[in-house]
Amino acid sequence: MSHFTTLKTKLTDTSILVKALNTLNYDTQENVLLDNPVNHKHEQVQVEVGITRYVGFKMGVDGTLQLVAELDAWKEPITVERFIEKVTQEYARETVMETVQKQGYTVVSEQKSVENTIEIVAEKW
């Protein structure tokens, strides 16, 4: 029997999550009901941010967003673990960019290394 799997994250801001997912080329829809794949009988799940019919993020009682996915219908070319890593990194980048701009800094450069680290240089006059 299949079911929706819920994985905890440390992400807390829905709007930053949407920006991160859009930057990673995922179309997002807010406040959607995830579908059951054909021949799968289980409870549907309401999520704050949906990216496919079977994958989305919902807010947990602890204030963190949780990845909700029907793993039998996972069609991404990467594993769930790698997907979470990529989303988390882009979420952190979006958070830094937003914070820097709110504090009056200007981003001078941004580089991504071969090791997948991101370096952001900002200045304030």
C-alpha atoms as a PDB file:
ATOM      1  CA  MET A   1       0.000   0.000   0.000  1.00  0.00           C
ATOM      2  CA  SER A   2       1.396   3.354  -0.922  1.00  0.00           C
ATOM      3  CA  HIS A   3       1.111   6.545   1.071  1.00  0.00           C
ATOM      4  CA  PHE A   4       2.343  10.112   1.280  1.00  0.00           C
ATOM      5  CA  THR A   5       5.695  10.340   3.017  1.00  0.00           C
ATOM      6  CA  THR A   6       6.473  13.404   5.117  1.00  0.00           C
ATOM      7  CA  LEU A   7      10.064  14.569   5.547  1.00  0.00           C
ATOM      8  CA  LYS A   8      11.030  17.315   7.973  1.00  0.00           C
ATOM      9  CA  THR A   9      13.044  20.322   6.851  1.00  0.00           C
ATOM     10  CA  LYS A  10      14.271  23.432   8.644  1.00  0.00           C
ATOM     11  CA  LEU A  11      12.580  25.754   6.153  1.00  0.00           C
ATOM     12  CA  THR A  12      10.070  28.175   7.668  1.00  0.00           C
ATOM     13  CA  ASP A  13       9.166  30.884   5.138  1.00  0.00           C
ATOM     14  CA  THR A  14       6.711  29.923   2.400  1.00  0.00           C
ATOM     15  CA  SER A  15       7.428  32.946   0.198  1.00  0.00           C
ATOM     16  CA  ILE A  16      11.188  32.275   0.214  1.00  0.00           C
ATOM     17  CA  LEU A  17      10.493  28.604  -0.528  1.00  0.00           C
ATOM     18  CA  VAL A  18       8.402  29.593  -3.566  1.00  0.00           C
ATOM     19  CA  LYS A  19      11.233  31.856  -4.826  1.00  0.00           C
ATOM     20  CA  ALA A  20      13.766  29.049  -4.329  1.00  0.00           C
ATOM     21  CA  LEU A  21      11.623  26.486  -6.150  1.00  0.00           C
ATOM     22  CA  ASN A  22      10.959  28.902  -9.020  1.00  0.00           C
ATOM     23  CA  THR A  23      14.700  29.584  -9.332  1.00  0.00           C
ATOM     24  CA  LEU A  24      15.203  25.813  -9.589  1.00  0.00           C
ATOM     25  CA  ASN A  25      12.636  25.815 -12.442  1.00  0.00           C
ATOM     26  CA  TYR A  26       9.748  24.253 -10.544  1.00  0.00           C
ATOM     27  CA  ASP A  27       6.290  25.632 -11.159  1.00  0.00           C
ATOM     28  CA  THR A  28       4.556  26.184  -7.850  1.00  0.00           C
ATOM     29  CA  GLN A  29       0.940  26.396  -6.815  1.00  0.00           C
ATOM     30  CA  GLU A  30      -0.133  27.558  -3.391  1.00  0.00           C
ATOM     31  CA  ASN A  31      -2.743  25.861  -1.196  1.00  0.00           C
ATOM     32  CA  VAL A  32      -3.368  22.709  -3.223  1.00  0.00           C
ATOM     33  CA  LEU A  33      -4.616  19.221  -2.514  1.00  0.00           C
ATOM     34  CA  LEU A  34      -2.137  16.529  -3.555  1.00  0.00           C
ATOM     35  CA  ASP A  35      -3.658  13.778  -5.713  1.00  0.00           C
ATOM     36  CA  ASN A  36      -3.592  10.043  -5.284  1.00  0.00           C
ATOM     37  CA  PRO A  37      -1.880   8.261  -8.169  1.00  0.00           C
ATOM     38  CA  VAL A  38      -4.016   5.814 -10.152  1.00  0.00           C
ATOM     39  CA  ASN A  39      -4.911   2.717  -8.073  1.00  0.00           C
ATOM     40  CA  HIS A  40      -3.529   4.268  -4.867  1.00  0.00           C
ATOM     41  CA  LYS A  41      -6.051   4.564  -2.080  1.00  0.00           C
ATOM     42  CA  HIS A  42      -5.006   6.808   0.764  1.00  0.00           C
ATOM     43  CA  GLU A  43      -5.875  10.134   2.281  1.00  0.00           C
ATOM     44  CA  GLN A  44      -5.151  13.206   0.197  1.00  0.00           C
ATOM     45  CA  VAL A  45      -2.982  15.937   1.726  1.00  0.00           C
ATOM     46  CA  GLN A  46      -3.471  19.709   1.674  1.00  0.00           C
ATOM     47  CA  VAL A  47      -0.168  21.554   1.194  1.00  0.00           C
ATOM     48  CA  GLU A  48       0.836  25.217   1.277  1.00  0.00           C
ATOM     49  CA  VAL A  49       3.095  24.848  -1.786  1.00  0.00           C
ATOM     50  CA  GLY A  50       2.644  22.188  -4.457  1.00  0.00           C
ATOM     51  CA  ILE A  51       5.187  21.483  -7.190  1.00  0.00           C
ATOM     52  CA  THR A  52       3.624  18.425  -8.833  1.00  0.00           C
ATOM     53  CA  ARG A  53       0.358  16.557  -8.350  1.00  0.00           C
ATOM     54  CA  TYR A  54       2.132  14.294  -5.850  1.00  0.00           C
ATOM     55  CA  VAL A  55       4.770  16.525  -4.216  1.00  0.00           C
ATOM     56  CA  GLY A  56       4.486  19.605  -2.060  1.00  0.00           C
ATOM     57  CA  PHE A  57       5.347  21.310   1.212  1.00  0.00           C
ATOM     58  CA  LYS A  58       3.041  21.726   4.191  1.00  0.00           C
ATOM     59  CA  MET A  59       3.505  23.693   7.379  1.00  0.00           C
ATOM     60  CA  GLY A  60       4.039  21.507  10.427  1.00  0.00           C
ATOM     61  CA  VAL A  61       2.790  22.284  13.913  1.00  0.00           C
ATOM     62  CA  ASP A  62       6.347  23.271  14.868  1.00  0.00           C
ATOM     63  CA  GLY A  63       6.389  26.068  12.242  1.00  0.00           C
ATOM     64  CA  THR A  64       8.651  24.284   9.775  1.00  0.00           C
ATOM     65  CA  LEU A  65       7.742  23.259   6.250  1.00  0.00           C
ATOM     66  CA  GLN A  66       7.666  19.533   5.576  1.00  0.00           C
ATOM     67  CA  LEU A  67       8.155  17.866   2.205  1.00  0.00           C
ATOM     68  CA  VAL A  68       5.145  15.673   1.424  1.00  0.00           C
ATOM     69  CA  ALA A  69       5.605  13.224  -1.438  1.00  0.00           C
ATOM     70  CA  GLU A  70       4.007  10.125  -2.897  1.00  0.00           C
ATOM     71  CA  LEU A  71       7.321   8.331  -3.374  1.00  0.00           C
ATOM     72  CA  ASP A  72       5.828   5.693  -5.683  1.00  0.00           C
ATOM     73  CA  ALA A  73       5.028   8.554  -8.078  1.00  0.00           C
ATOM     74  CA  TRP A  74       8.404  10.386  -7.683  1.00  0.00           C
ATOM     75  CA  LYS A  75       9.439  11.273 -11.241  1.00  0.00           C
ATOM     76  CA  GLU A  76      12.307  13.667 -10.577  1.00  0.00           C
ATOM     77  CA  PRO A  77      15.679  12.800 -12.161  1.00  0.00           C
ATOM     78  CA  ILE A  78      17.338  13.103  -8.727  1.00  0.00           C
ATOM     79  CA  THR A  79      16.736  11.370  -5.413  1.00  0.00           C
ATOM     80  CA  VAL A  80      14.482  12.875  -2.760  1.00  0.00           C
ATOM     81  CA  GLU A  81      17.541  13.509  -0.590  1.00  0.00           C
ATOM     82  CA  ARG A  82      19.331  15.421  -3.366  1.00  0.00           C
ATOM     83  CA  PHE A  83      16.142  17.360  -4.104  1.00  0.00           C
ATOM     84  CA  ILE A  84      15.947  18.491  -0.467  1.00  0.00           C
ATOM     85  CA  GLU A  85      19.644  19.470  -0.540  1.00  0.00           C
ATOM     86  CA  LYS A  86      19.154  21.581  -3.659  1.00  0.00           C
ATOM     87  CA  VAL A  87      16.004  23.249  -2.317  1.00  0.00           C
ATOM     88  CA  THR A  88      17.649  23.928   1.047  1.00  0.00           C
ATOM     89  CA  GLN A  89      20.704  25.499  -0.602  1.00  0.00           C
ATOM     90  CA  GLU A  90      18.603  27.715  -2.858  1.00  0.00           C
ATOM     91  CA  TYR A  91      16.362  28.642   0.093  1.00  0.00           C
ATOM     92  CA  ALA A  92      19.465  29.733   2.050  1.00  0.00           C
ATOM     93  CA  ARG A  93      20.694  31.743  -0.935  1.00  0.00           C
ATOM     94  CA  GLU A  94      17.321  33.473  -1.309  1.00  0.00           C
ATOM     95  CA  THR A  95      17.280  34.209   2.440  1.00  0.00           C
ATOM     96  CA  VAL A  96      20.747  35.800   2.303  1.00  0.00           C
ATOM     97  CA  MET A  97      19.868  37.866  -0.779  1.00  0.00           C
ATOM     98  CA  GLU A  98      16.656  39.134   0.813  1.00  0.00           C
ATOM     99  CA  THR A  99      18.371  39.955   4.123  1.00  0.00           C
ATOM    100  CA  VAL A 100      21.286  41.730   2.416  1.00  0.00           C
ATOM    101  CA  GLN A 101      18.935  43.908   0.367  1.00  0.00           C
ATOM    102  CA  LYS A 102      16.738  44.751   3.381  1.00  0.00           C
ATOM    103  CA  GLN A 103      19.842  45.943   5.222  1.00  0.00           C
ATOM    104  CA  GLY A 104      20.788  48.293   2.387  1.00  0.00           C
ATOM    105  CA  TYR A 105      23.588  46.262   0.830  1.00  0.00           C
ATOM    106  CA  THR A 106      24.106  45.763  -2.882  1.00  0.00           C
ATOM    107  CA  VAL A 107      25.182  42.380  -4.215  1.00  0.00           C
ATOM    108  CA  VAL A 108      28.424  42.901  -6.129  1.00  0.00           C
ATOM    109  CA  SER A 109      29.023  39.315  -7.216  1.00  0.00           C
ATOM    110  CA  GLU A 110      27.786  35.792  -6.789  1.00  0.00           C
ATOM    111  CA  GLN A 111      29.683  32.641  -7.712  1.00  0.00           C
ATOM    112  CA  LYS A 112      28.945  28.939  -7.428  1.00  0.00           C
ATOM    113  CA  SER A 113      31.967  26.688  -7.079  1.00  0.00           C
ATOM    114  CA  VAL A 114      32.566  23.211  -8.450  1.00  0.00           C
ATOM    115  CA  GLU A 115      31.947  21.917  -4.904  1.00  0.00           C
ATOM    116  CA  ASN A 116      28.474  23.535  -5.028  1.00  0.00           C
ATOM    117  CA  THR A 117      29.268  26.258  -2.504  1.00  0.00           C
ATOM    118  CA  ILE A 118      27.913  29.729  -3.163  1.00  0.00           C
ATOM    119  CA  GLU A 119      29.908  32.893  -2.485  1.00  0.00           C
ATOM    120  CA  ILE A 120      28.005  36.179  -2.346  1.00  0.00           C
ATOM    121  CA  VAL A 121      29.844  39.485  -2.071  1.00  0.00           C
ATOM    122  CA  ALA A 122      27.837  42.521  -0.994  1.00  0.00           C
ATOM    123  CA  GLU A 123      28.770  46.092  -0.221  1.00  0.00           C
ATOM    124  CA  LYS A 124      27.205  49.085   1.432  1.00  0.00           C
ATOM    125  CA  TRP A 125      28.196  52.702   0.932  1.00  0.00           C
END
